C-alpha atoms as a PDB file:
ATOM      1  CA  MET A   1     -38.307  77.913   2.667  1.00  0.00           C
ATOM      2  CA  PRO A   2     -34.579  78.717   2.603  1.00  0.00           C
ATOM      3  CA  THR A   3     -32.511  76.663   0.174  1.00  0.00           C
ATOM      4  CA  PHE A   4     -28.970  75.445   0.788  1.00  0.00           C
ATOM      5  CA  SER A   5     -26.583  74.205  -1.884  1.00  0.00           C
ATOM      6  CA  PHE A   6     -24.209  71.301  -1.380  1.00  0.00           C
ATOM      7  CA  VAL A   7     -21.549  69.430  -3.304  1.00  0.00           C
ATOM      8  CA  THR A   8     -19.934  66.052  -2.768  1.00  0.00           C
ATOM      9  CA  VAL A   9     -16.312  65.211  -3.491  1.00  0.00           C
ATOM     10  CA  ASP A  10     -14.170  62.099  -3.235  1.00  0.00           C
ATOM     11  CA  VAL A  11     -11.094  62.884  -1.138  1.00  0.00           C
ATOM     12  CA  PHE A  12      -7.584  61.395  -1.108  1.00  0.00           C
ATOM     13  CA  THR A  13      -7.992  60.049  -4.625  1.00  0.00           C
ATOM     14  CA  ASN A  14      -7.624  61.103  -8.252  1.00  0.00           C
ATOM     15  CA  SER A  15     -10.412  58.783  -9.418  1.00  0.00           C
ATOM     16  CA  ARG A  16     -14.135  59.274  -8.991  1.00  0.00           C
ATOM     17  CA  PHE A  17     -15.705  56.697  -6.668  1.00  0.00           C
ATOM     18  CA  GLY A  18     -12.394  56.122  -4.930  1.00  0.00           C
ATOM     19  CA  GLY A  19     -11.181  57.777  -1.742  1.00  0.00           C
ATOM     20  CA  ASN A  20     -13.482  59.006   1.004  1.00  0.00           C
ATOM     21  CA  PRO A  21     -16.727  60.758  -0.011  1.00  0.00           C
ATOM     22  CA  LEU A  22     -17.587  64.061   1.643  1.00  0.00           C
ATOM     23  CA  ALA A  23     -20.589  66.402   1.506  1.00  0.00           C
ATOM     24  CA  VAL A  24     -19.878  70.146   1.766  1.00  0.00           C
ATOM     25  CA  PHE A  25     -22.344  72.981   2.336  1.00  0.00           C
ATOM     26  CA  PRO A  26     -20.312  76.017   1.159  1.00  0.00           C
ATOM     27  CA  ASP A  27     -22.740  78.497   2.767  1.00  0.00           C
ATOM     28  CA  ALA A  28     -24.460  77.068   5.831  1.00  0.00           C
ATOM     29  CA  SER A  29     -25.556  80.390   7.334  1.00  0.00           C
ATOM     30  CA  GLY A  30     -29.030  79.951   8.778  1.00  0.00           C
ATOM     31  CA  LEU A  31     -28.794  76.246   9.515  1.00  0.00           C
ATOM     32  CA  THR A  32     -29.337  75.248  13.135  1.00  0.00           C
ATOM     33  CA  ASP A  33     -27.181  72.740  14.996  1.00  0.00           C
ATOM     34  CA  GLU A  34     -30.023  70.231  14.826  1.00  0.00           C
ATOM     35  CA  GLN A  35     -30.414  70.697  11.075  1.00  0.00           C
ATOM     36  CA  MET A  36     -26.683  70.215  10.506  1.00  0.00           C
ATOM     37  CA  GLN A  37     -26.721  66.999  12.493  1.00  0.00           C
ATOM     38  CA  SER A  38     -29.833  65.779  10.664  1.00  0.00           C
ATOM     39  CA  LEU A  39     -28.283  66.534   7.281  1.00  0.00           C
ATOM     40  CA  ALA A  40     -25.095  64.689   8.218  1.00  0.00           C
ATOM     41  CA  ALA A  41     -27.164  61.680   9.271  1.00  0.00           C
ATOM     42  CA  GLU A  42     -29.169  61.885   6.040  1.00  0.00           C
ATOM     43  CA  PHE A  43     -26.072  61.900   3.841  1.00  0.00           C
ATOM     44  CA  ASN A  44     -24.829  58.936   5.892  1.00  0.00           C
ATOM     45  CA  LEU A  45     -21.189  59.662   5.064  1.00  0.00           C
ATOM     46  CA  SER A  46     -18.381  59.517   7.578  1.00  0.00           C
ATOM     47  CA  GLU A  47     -18.493  63.342   7.724  1.00  0.00           C
ATOM     48  CA  THR A  48     -20.338  66.359   6.314  1.00  0.00           C
ATOM     49  CA  THR A  49     -19.038  69.936   6.591  1.00  0.00           C
ATOM     50  CA  PHE A  50     -20.856  73.234   7.008  1.00  0.00           C
ATOM     51  CA  VAL A  51     -19.074  76.477   6.101  1.00  0.00           C
ATOM     52  CA  LEU A  52     -19.884  79.621   8.093  1.00  0.00           C
ATOM     53  CA  PRO A  53     -18.400  83.136   8.276  1.00  0.00           C
ATOM     54  CA  PRO A  54     -15.252  83.304  10.428  1.00  0.00           C
ATOM     55  CA  SER A  55     -15.201  85.058  13.783  1.00  0.00           C
ATOM     56  CA  ASP A  56     -11.871  86.637  12.739  1.00  0.00           C
ATOM     57  CA  PRO A  57     -11.967  88.226   9.266  1.00  0.00           C
ATOM     58  CA  ALA A  58      -8.294  87.309   8.821  1.00  0.00           C
ATOM     59  CA  ASN A  59      -9.453  83.700   8.484  1.00  0.00           C
ATOM     60  CA  THR A  60     -11.328  82.139   5.581  1.00  0.00           C
ATOM     61  CA  ALA A  61     -14.221  80.456   7.337  1.00  0.00           C
ATOM     62  CA  ARG A  62     -15.550  78.695  10.362  1.00  0.00           C
ATOM     63  CA  VAL A  63     -15.953  75.039   9.428  1.00  0.00           C
ATOM     64  CA  ARG A  64     -18.166  72.699  11.418  1.00  0.00           C
ATOM     65  CA  ILE A  65     -17.743  68.965  10.920  1.00  0.00           C
ATOM     66  CA  PHE A  66     -20.450  66.421  11.751  1.00  0.00           C
ATOM     67  CA  ASN A  67     -20.331  62.650  11.540  1.00  0.00           C
ATOM     68  CA  ARG A  68     -23.540  60.615  11.590  1.00  0.00           C
ATOM     69  CA  THR A  69     -24.099  61.127  15.311  1.00  0.00           C
ATOM     70  CA  ALA A  70     -22.049  64.068  16.625  1.00  0.00           C
ATOM     71  CA  GLU A  71     -19.976  67.147  15.858  1.00  0.00           C
ATOM     72  CA  MET A  72     -16.216  66.623  15.603  1.00  0.00           C
ATOM     73  CA  PRO A  73     -13.435  68.974  16.753  1.00  0.00           C
ATOM     74  CA  PHE A  74     -11.253  68.234  13.710  1.00  0.00           C
ATOM     75  CA  ALA A  75     -11.053  65.715  10.888  1.00  0.00           C
ATOM     76  CA  GLY A  76      -8.724  65.183   7.961  1.00  0.00           C
ATOM     77  CA  HIS A  77     -10.618  64.415   4.770  1.00  0.00           C
ATOM     78  CA  PRO A  78     -13.365  66.983   5.576  1.00  0.00           C
ATOM     79  CA  ASN A  79     -10.737  69.731   5.705  1.00  0.00           C
ATOM     80  CA  VAL A  80      -8.990  68.565   2.547  1.00  0.00           C
ATOM     81  CA  GLY A  81     -12.278  68.309   0.655  1.00  0.00           C
ATOM     82  CA  THR A  82     -13.694  71.577   1.992  1.00  0.00           C
ATOM     83  CA  GLY A  83     -10.438  73.323   1.159  1.00  0.00           C
ATOM     84  CA  TRP A  84     -10.612  71.985  -2.388  1.00  0.00           C
ATOM     85  CA  VAL A  85     -14.228  73.169  -2.796  1.00  0.00           C
ATOM     86  CA  LEU A  86     -13.611  76.674  -1.403  1.00  0.00           C
ATOM     87  CA  ALA A  87     -10.383  77.083  -3.383  1.00  0.00           C
ATOM     88  CA  GLY A  88     -12.366  76.267  -6.517  1.00  0.00           C
ATOM     89  CA  MET A  89     -14.770  79.060  -5.569  1.00  0.00           C
ATOM     90  CA  GLY A  90     -11.840  81.509  -5.466  1.00  0.00           C
ATOM     91  CA  ARG A  91     -11.703  81.855  -1.693  1.00  0.00           C
ATOM     92  CA  ALA A  92      -8.028  80.947  -1.255  1.00  0.00           C
ATOM     93  CA  ARG A  93      -5.522  83.771  -0.768  1.00  0.00           C
ATOM     94  CA  ASP A  94      -2.233  82.944  -2.466  1.00  0.00           C
ATOM     95  CA  GLY A  95      -3.209  79.285  -2.221  1.00  0.00           C
ATOM     96  CA  LEU A  96      -3.905  79.458   1.537  1.00  0.00           C
ATOM     97  CA  LEU A  97      -7.135  79.030   3.486  1.00  0.00           C
ATOM     98  CA  ARG A  98      -7.542  79.187   7.258  1.00  0.00           C
ATOM     99  CA  PHE A  99     -10.406  77.336   8.948  1.00  0.00           C
ATOM    100  CA  GLU A 100     -11.628  78.008  12.472  1.00  0.00           C
ATOM    101  CA  GLU A 101     -12.577  74.728  14.166  1.00  0.00           C
ATOM    102  CA  ILE A 102     -13.213  73.420  17.662  1.00  0.00           C
ATOM    103  CA  ALA A 103      -9.693  71.934  17.869  1.00  0.00           C
ATOM    104  CA  GLY A 104      -8.060  75.158  16.683  1.00  0.00           C
ATOM    105  CA  LEU A 105      -7.005  76.878  13.467  1.00  0.00           C
ATOM    106  CA  VAL A 106      -6.438  74.600  10.466  1.00  0.00           C
ATOM    107  CA  GLU A 107      -4.216  75.896   7.664  1.00  0.00           C
ATOM    108  CA  VAL A 108      -5.041  74.557   4.227  1.00  0.00           C
ATOM    109  CA  ARG A 109      -2.758  74.735   1.195  1.00  0.00           C
ATOM    110  CA  ALA A 110      -4.450  74.541  -2.204  1.00  0.00           C
ATOM    111  CA  ASP A 111      -1.625  75.764  -4.410  1.00  0.00           C
ATOM    112  CA  ARG A 112      -1.318  72.622  -6.546  1.00  0.00           C
ATOM    113  CA  PRO A 113      -4.043  71.754  -9.083  1.00  0.00           C
ATOM    114  CA  GLY A 114      -6.284  68.955  -7.823  1.00  0.00           C
ATOM    115  CA  SER A 115      -4.419  68.519  -4.529  1.00  0.00           C
ATOM    116  CA  VAL A 116      -4.841  69.999  -1.045  1.00  0.00           C
ATOM    117  CA  THR A 117      -2.662  69.744   2.077  1.00  0.00           C
ATOM    118  CA  ILE A 118      -3.743  70.570   5.623  1.00  0.00           C
ATOM    119  CA  ALA A 119      -1.715  71.143   8.771  1.00  0.00           C
ATOM    120  CA  ALA A 120      -3.196  69.510  11.871  1.00  0.00           C
ATOM    121  CA  PRO A 121      -4.165  72.121  14.485  1.00  0.00           C
ATOM    122  CA  GLN A 122      -2.289  70.643  17.468  1.00  0.00           C
ATOM    123  CA  PRO A 123       1.057  68.987  18.186  1.00  0.00           C
ATOM    124  CA  LEU A 124       1.110  65.295  19.004  1.00  0.00           C
ATOM    125  CA  SER A 125      -0.296  64.295  22.374  1.00  0.00           C
ATOM    126  CA  LEU A 126      -0.454  60.751  23.705  1.00  0.00           C
ATOM    127  CA  GLY A 127      -3.019  59.315  26.086  1.00  0.00           C
ATOM    128  CA  ALA A 128      -3.724  55.978  27.673  1.00  0.00           C
ATOM    129  CA  GLU A 129      -2.486  52.663  26.298  1.00  0.00           C
ATOM    130  CA  MET A 130      -5.229  50.251  25.275  1.00  0.00           C
ATOM    131  CA  PRO A 131      -4.747  46.606  26.317  1.00  0.00           C
ATOM    132  CA  VAL A 132      -3.664  44.384  23.444  1.00  0.00           C
ATOM    133  CA  ALA A 133      -6.427  41.883  24.212  1.00  0.00           C
ATOM    134  CA  LEU A 134      -9.097  44.546  23.756  1.00  0.00           C
ATOM    135  CA  VAL A 135      -7.633  45.677  20.427  1.00  0.00           C
ATOM    136  CA  ALA A 136      -7.418  42.140  19.094  1.00  0.00           C
ATOM    137  CA  GLY A 137     -10.917  41.254  20.226  1.00  0.00           C
ATOM    138  CA  CYS A 138     -12.484  44.317  18.590  1.00  0.00           C
ATOM    139  CA  VAL A 139     -11.257  43.318  15.124  1.00  0.00           C
ATOM    140  CA  GLY A 140     -11.109  39.533  15.323  1.00  0.00           C
ATOM    141  CA  ILE A 141      -7.356  38.946  15.261  1.00  0.00           C
ATOM    142  CA  SER A 142      -5.057  37.191  17.712  1.00  0.00           C
ATOM    143  CA  GLU A 143      -3.165  39.051  20.404  1.00  0.00           C
ATOM    144  CA  SER A 144       0.153  37.914  18.878  1.00  0.00           C
ATOM    145  CA  GLU A 145      -0.746  39.800  15.679  1.00  0.00           C
ATOM    146  CA  VAL A 146      -0.759  43.123  17.541  1.00  0.00           C
ATOM    147  CA  LEU A 147       2.874  44.268  17.404  1.00  0.00           C
ATOM    148  CA  VAL A 148       4.301  46.064  20.425  1.00  0.00           C
ATOM    149  CA  ASP A 149       8.040  46.258  19.712  1.00  0.00           C
ATOM    150  CA  ALA A 150       7.862  49.900  18.563  1.00  0.00           C
ATOM    151  CA  HIS A 151       4.925  51.022  20.719  1.00  0.00           C
ATOM    152  CA  ARG A 152       1.885  49.593  22.447  1.00  0.00           C
ATOM    153  CA  PRO A 153      -1.631  50.480  21.249  1.00  0.00           C
ATOM    154  CA  VAL A 154      -2.043  54.061  22.392  1.00  0.00           C
ATOM    155  CA  ALA A 155      -4.483  56.954  22.161  1.00  0.00           C
ATOM    156  CA  ALA A 156      -2.893  59.679  20.037  1.00  0.00           C
ATOM    157  CA  SER A 157      -4.143  63.029  18.795  1.00  0.00           C
ATOM    158  CA  VAL A 158      -3.230  66.107  16.798  1.00  0.00           C
ATOM    159  CA  GLY A 159      -6.748  67.462  17.213  1.00  0.00           C
ATOM    160  CA  ASN A 160      -8.903  64.314  17.254  1.00  0.00           C
ATOM    161  CA  SER A 161      -8.047  61.181  19.236  1.00  0.00           C
ATOM    162  CA  PHE A 162      -7.636  57.632  17.894  1.00  0.00           C
ATOM    163  CA  VAL A 163      -6.251  54.434  19.330  1.00  0.00           C
ATOM    164  CA  ILE A 164      -3.297  53.579  17.072  1.00  0.00           C
ATOM    165  CA  ALA A 165      -2.048  50.001  16.897  1.00  0.00           C
ATOM    166  CA  GLN A 166       0.523  48.291  14.695  1.00  0.00           C
ATOM    167  CA  VAL A 167      -0.481  44.843  13.433  1.00  0.00           C
ATOM    168  CA  THR A 168       0.946  42.294  11.037  1.00  0.00           C
ATOM    169  CA  PRO A 169       0.155  42.814   7.331  1.00  0.00           C
ATOM    170  CA  ASP A 170      -1.954  39.665   7.208  1.00  0.00           C
ATOM    171  CA  ALA A 171      -3.932  40.663  10.288  1.00  0.00           C
ATOM    172  CA  LEU A 172      -4.608  44.078   8.777  1.00  0.00           C
ATOM    173  CA  THR A 173      -6.139  42.446   5.708  1.00  0.00           C
ATOM    174  CA  ARG A 174      -8.287  40.055   7.773  1.00  0.00           C
ATOM    175  CA  ALA A 175      -9.433  42.534  10.428  1.00  0.00           C
ATOM    176  CA  ALA A 176     -13.205  42.910  10.769  1.00  0.00           C
ATOM    177  CA  PRO A 177     -14.973  44.951  13.448  1.00  0.00           C
ATOM    178  CA  ASP A 178     -17.088  43.152  16.029  1.00  0.00           C
ATOM    179  CA  VAL A 179     -19.612  45.726  17.258  1.00  0.00           C
ATOM    180  CA  ALA A 180     -20.427  43.787  20.421  1.00  0.00           C
ATOM    181  CA  ARG A 181     -16.736  43.589  21.299  1.00  0.00           C
ATOM    182  CA  PHE A 182     -16.355  47.325  20.631  1.00  0.00           C
ATOM    183  CA  ARG A 183     -19.247  48.026  23.021  1.00  0.00           C
ATOM    184  CA  ALA A 184     -17.639  45.887  25.686  1.00  0.00           C
ATOM    185  CA  ALA A 185     -14.197  47.370  25.073  1.00  0.00           C
ATOM    186  CA  VAL A 186     -15.352  50.963  25.474  1.00  0.00           C
ATOM    187  CA  GLN A 187     -16.610  50.090  28.954  1.00  0.00           C
ATOM    188  CA  ALA A 188     -13.159  48.776  29.886  1.00  0.00           C
ATOM    189  CA  PHE A 189     -11.324  51.551  28.010  1.00  0.00           C
ATOM    190  CA  PRO A 190     -13.429  54.752  28.279  1.00  0.00           C
ATOM    191  CA  SER A 191     -10.483  57.124  27.701  1.00  0.00           C
ATOM    192  CA  LEU A 192     -11.943  58.522  24.445  1.00  0.00           C
ATOM    193  CA  GLY A 193     -15.453  58.859  25.811  1.00  0.00           C
ATOM    194  CA  PRO A 194     -18.276  56.524  26.812  1.00  0.00           C
ATOM    195  CA  ARG A 195     -19.566  56.038  23.226  1.00  0.00           C
ATOM    196  CA  ARG A 196     -16.461  56.482  21.120  1.00  0.00           C
ATOM    197  CA  LEU A 197     -13.654  54.064  20.308  1.00  0.00           C
ATOM    198  CA  PRO A 198     -12.038  54.759  16.905  1.00  0.00           C
ATOM    199  CA  LEU A 199      -9.402  52.121  16.239  1.00  0.00           C
ATOM    200  CA  TYR A 200      -6.685  52.830  13.644  1.00  0.00           C
ATOM    201  CA  LEU A 201      -4.612  49.825  12.603  1.00  0.00           C
ATOM    202  CA  TYR A 202      -1.522  50.030  10.432  1.00  0.00           C
ATOM    203  CA  ALA A 203       1.211  47.848   8.957  1.00  0.00           C
ATOM    204  CA  HIS A 204       4.524  48.727   7.341  1.00  0.00           C
ATOM    205  CA  ASP A 205       4.740  48.328   3.569  1.00  0.00           C
ATOM    206  CA  GLY A 206       8.388  49.191   2.749  1.00  0.00           C
ATOM    207  CA  ARG A 207      10.197  52.381   1.740  1.00  0.00           C
ATOM    208  CA  SER A 208      10.656  54.165  -1.575  1.00  0.00           C
ATOM    209  CA  GLY A 209      12.543  57.372  -2.349  1.00  0.00           C
ATOM    210  CA  GLY A 210      12.910  58.326   1.294  1.00  0.00           C
ATOM    211  CA  VAL A 211       9.189  57.835   1.957  1.00  0.00           C
ATOM    212  CA  THR A 212       7.924  55.209   4.393  1.00  0.00           C
ATOM    213  CA  ARG A 213       4.948  53.324   2.973  1.00  0.00           C
ATOM    214  CA  LEU A 214       2.172  52.177   5.297  1.00  0.00           C
ATOM    215  CA  ARG A 215      -1.174  50.452   4.976  1.00  0.00           C
ATOM    216  CA  ALA A 216      -3.985  51.378   7.345  1.00  0.00           C
ATOM    217  CA  ARG A 217      -7.610  50.728   8.232  1.00  0.00           C
ATOM    218  CA  MET A 218      -9.891  52.633  10.626  1.00  0.00           C
ATOM    219  CA  PHE A 219     -12.918  51.201  12.429  1.00  0.00           C
ATOM    220  CA  SER A 220     -15.325  53.300  14.495  1.00  0.00           C
ATOM    221  CA  PRO A 221     -18.642  51.415  14.591  1.00  0.00           C
ATOM    222  CA  LEU A 222     -19.832  53.097  17.786  1.00  0.00           C
ATOM    223  CA  SER A 223     -19.800  56.431  15.911  1.00  0.00           C
ATOM    224  CA  GLY A 224     -21.622  54.939  12.930  1.00  0.00           C
ATOM    225  CA  THR A 225     -18.546  54.374  10.749  1.00  0.00           C
ATOM    226  CA  ILE A 226     -18.064  50.637  10.399  1.00  0.00           C
ATOM    227  CA  GLU A 227     -14.934  51.333   8.358  1.00  0.00           C
ATOM    228  CA  ASP A 228     -13.496  54.549   6.949  1.00  0.00           C
ATOM    229  CA  ALA A 229     -11.943  54.808   3.486  1.00  0.00           C
ATOM    230  CA  ALA A 230      -9.414  57.520   4.428  1.00  0.00           C
ATOM    231  CA  THR A 231      -8.800  59.094   7.832  1.00  0.00           C
ATOM    232  CA  GLY A 232      -6.525  62.128   7.753  1.00  0.00           C
ATOM    233  CA  SER A 233      -7.010  62.931  11.428  1.00  0.00           C
ATOM    234  CA  ALA A 234      -5.685  59.444  12.266  1.00  0.00           C
ATOM    235  CA  ALA A 235      -2.921  59.430   9.644  1.00  0.00           C
ATOM    236  CA  THR A 236      -1.451  62.641  11.069  1.00  0.00           C
ATOM    237  CA  PRO A 237      -1.030  61.415  14.667  1.00  0.00           C
ATOM    238  CA  LEU A 238       0.366  58.161  13.266  1.00  0.00           C
ATOM    239  CA  ALA A 239       2.983  60.107  11.295  1.00  0.00           C
ATOM    240  CA  ALA A 240       3.794  62.199  14.365  1.00  0.00           C
ATOM    241  CA  LEU A 241       3.974  59.118  16.604  1.00  0.00           C
ATOM    242  CA  LEU A 242       6.365  57.317  14.257  1.00  0.00           C
ATOM    243  CA  LEU A 243       8.614  60.368  14.061  1.00  0.00           C
ATOM    244  CA  SER A 244       8.639  60.574  17.867  1.00  0.00           C
ATOM    245  CA  LEU A 245      10.075  57.052  17.971  1.00  0.00           C
ATOM    246  CA  SER A 246      13.030  58.052  15.784  1.00  0.00           C
ATOM    247  CA  GLU A 247      15.903  60.507  16.006  1.00  0.00           C
ATOM    248  CA  ASP A 248      14.882  62.273  12.780  1.00  0.00           C
ATOM    249  CA  ASN A 249      13.733  65.878  12.602  1.00  0.00           C
ATOM    250  CA  GLU A 250      11.205  65.206   9.869  1.00  0.00           C
ATOM    251  CA  ALA A 251       9.795  62.299   7.878  1.00  0.00           C
ATOM    252  CA  ARG A 252       7.391  61.508   5.059  1.00  0.00           C
ATOM    253  CA  TYR A 253       4.818  58.734   4.938  1.00  0.00           C
ATOM    254  CA  ASP A 254       2.508  57.514   2.165  1.00  0.00           C
ATOM    255  CA  ILE A 255      -0.482  55.763   3.711  1.00  0.00           C
ATOM    256  CA  THR A 256      -2.792  53.557   1.666  1.00  0.00           C
ATOM    257  CA  GLN A 257      -6.276  53.039   3.078  1.00  0.00           C
ATOM    258  CA  GLY A 258      -9.704  51.948   1.860  1.00  0.00           C
ATOM    259  CA  VAL A 259      -8.458  49.117  -0.360  1.00  0.00           C
ATOM    260  CA  GLU A 260     -10.496  46.457   1.442  1.00  0.00           C
ATOM    261  CA  MET A 261     -13.602  48.635   0.985  1.00  0.00           C
ATOM    262  CA  GLY A 262     -13.099  49.034  -2.759  1.00  0.00           C
ATOM    263  CA  ARG A 263     -12.327  52.745  -2.287  1.00  0.00           C
ATOM    264  CA  PRO A 264      -8.517  52.986  -2.460  1.00  0.00           C
ATOM    265  CA  SER A 265      -7.104  56.156  -0.937  1.00  0.00           C
ATOM    266  CA  LEU A 266      -3.616  57.634  -0.729  1.00  0.00           C
ATOM    267  CA  LEU A 267      -2.717  60.022   2.103  1.00  0.00           C
ATOM    268  CA  ALA A 268       0.617  61.842   1.817  1.00  0.00           C
ATOM    269  CA  CYS A 269       1.775  62.734   5.342  1.00  0.00           C
ATOM    270  CA  THR A 270       4.701  64.666   6.741  1.00  0.00           C
ATOM    271  CA  ALA A 271       5.789  65.122  10.341  1.00  0.00           C
ATOM    272  CA  HIS A 272       8.396  67.450  11.792  1.00  0.00           C
ATOM    273  CA  ARG A 273       9.749  68.541  15.140  1.00  0.00           C
ATOM    274  CA  ALA A 274       8.604  72.051  16.086  1.00  0.00           C
ATOM    275  CA  ALA A 275       9.098  74.299  19.096  1.00  0.00           C
ATOM    276  CA  ASP A 276       5.850  73.079  20.686  1.00  0.00           C
ATOM    277  CA  GLY A 277       6.198  69.390  19.830  1.00  0.00           C
ATOM    278  CA  ILE A 278       5.774  67.186  16.783  1.00  0.00           C
ATOM    279  CA  ARG A 279       3.524  68.599  14.086  1.00  0.00           C
ATOM    280  CA  ALA A 280       2.013  66.778  11.131  1.00  0.00           C
ATOM    281  CA  SER A 281       0.241  67.480   7.851  1.00  0.00           C
ATOM    282  CA  VAL A 282      -1.636  65.399   5.304  1.00  0.00           C
ATOM    283  CA  GLY A 283      -2.608  65.957   1.693  1.00  0.00           C
ATOM    284  CA  GLY A 284      -4.072  64.327  -1.354  1.00  0.00           C
ATOM    285  CA  GLY A 285      -6.257  64.656  -4.405  1.00  0.00           C
ATOM    286  CA  CYS A 286      -9.959  65.464  -4.715  1.00  0.00           C
ATOM    287  CA  VAL A 287     -12.523  64.664  -7.408  1.00  0.00           C
ATOM    288  CA  PRO A 288     -15.991  66.276  -7.738  1.00  0.00           C
ATOM    289  CA  VAL A 289     -18.980  63.926  -7.801  1.00  0.00           C
ATOM    290  CA  LEU A 290     -22.395  65.515  -7.113  1.00  0.00           C
ATOM    291  CA  LYS A 291     -24.021  68.860  -6.520  1.00  0.00           C
ATOM    292  CA  GLY A 292     -27.520  69.816  -5.471  1.00  0.00           C
ATOM    293  CA  GLU A 293     -29.656  71.761  -3.053  1.00  0.00           C
ATOM    294  CA  ILE A 294     -32.098  71.198  -0.237  1.00  0.00           C
ATOM    295  CA  SER A 295     -34.924  73.374   1.076  1.00  0.00           C
ATOM    296  CA  LEU A 296     -35.598  73.381   4.804  1.00  0.00           C
END
């Protein structure tokens, strides 16, 4: 039976057992789609990555990302963690890795010890607005606690779509997903698909040294993630969205997530105006946890 090695890392943290855990198969050649999905379900993490040879030799790898139930076009902490693992194996060229993914090419910078930064593969795009009542009902807060002065709850993407909503700080702390309400809401708001409704809530937390501080939580129970400890593919469209609401050319955001789960995470985001729209990146630390192998 062929044997495949894997490692796990905690991402967006400098402390083991903090951040968002990730499983990485550095050489997944020979695994079928069904086996990748089964392994992701077995690990039961928010995502697992599988590294394959690139179609273009100028790139580092083809990276496939699976959550518990489906393959994903792009995700944040899987790219950061996979970049950290492959850089440690000596596969970075001058600190740069390039990953081929469904959503496009992801550039990964691993030129600082213990830290990796990724550039989201697409500029900001906005979709449908989600009714405030649906947002509030999904997480057990009142409609008045969903803030709409800056923007209404809206689907946003830089490679992977989330509904982004600003809420009061107290509501963010108290929010708890109601799976039945999520199931009902996705019928009324099917913009992200008939079985998918990832909801990313955030609150402002001040400014320091030119950096806007935010707190965030992400709930996606219909995809098997009741709550996520760190969501780079939601933090990046949030950073891009906030920049779009200003007159600035670029901005920096430090986003704290996972605190309520006991897995504090820090995501360092930047957004800037580019020729094709608003682009965003996210970075953070990684810590190794486990390694092993499986025979299939």
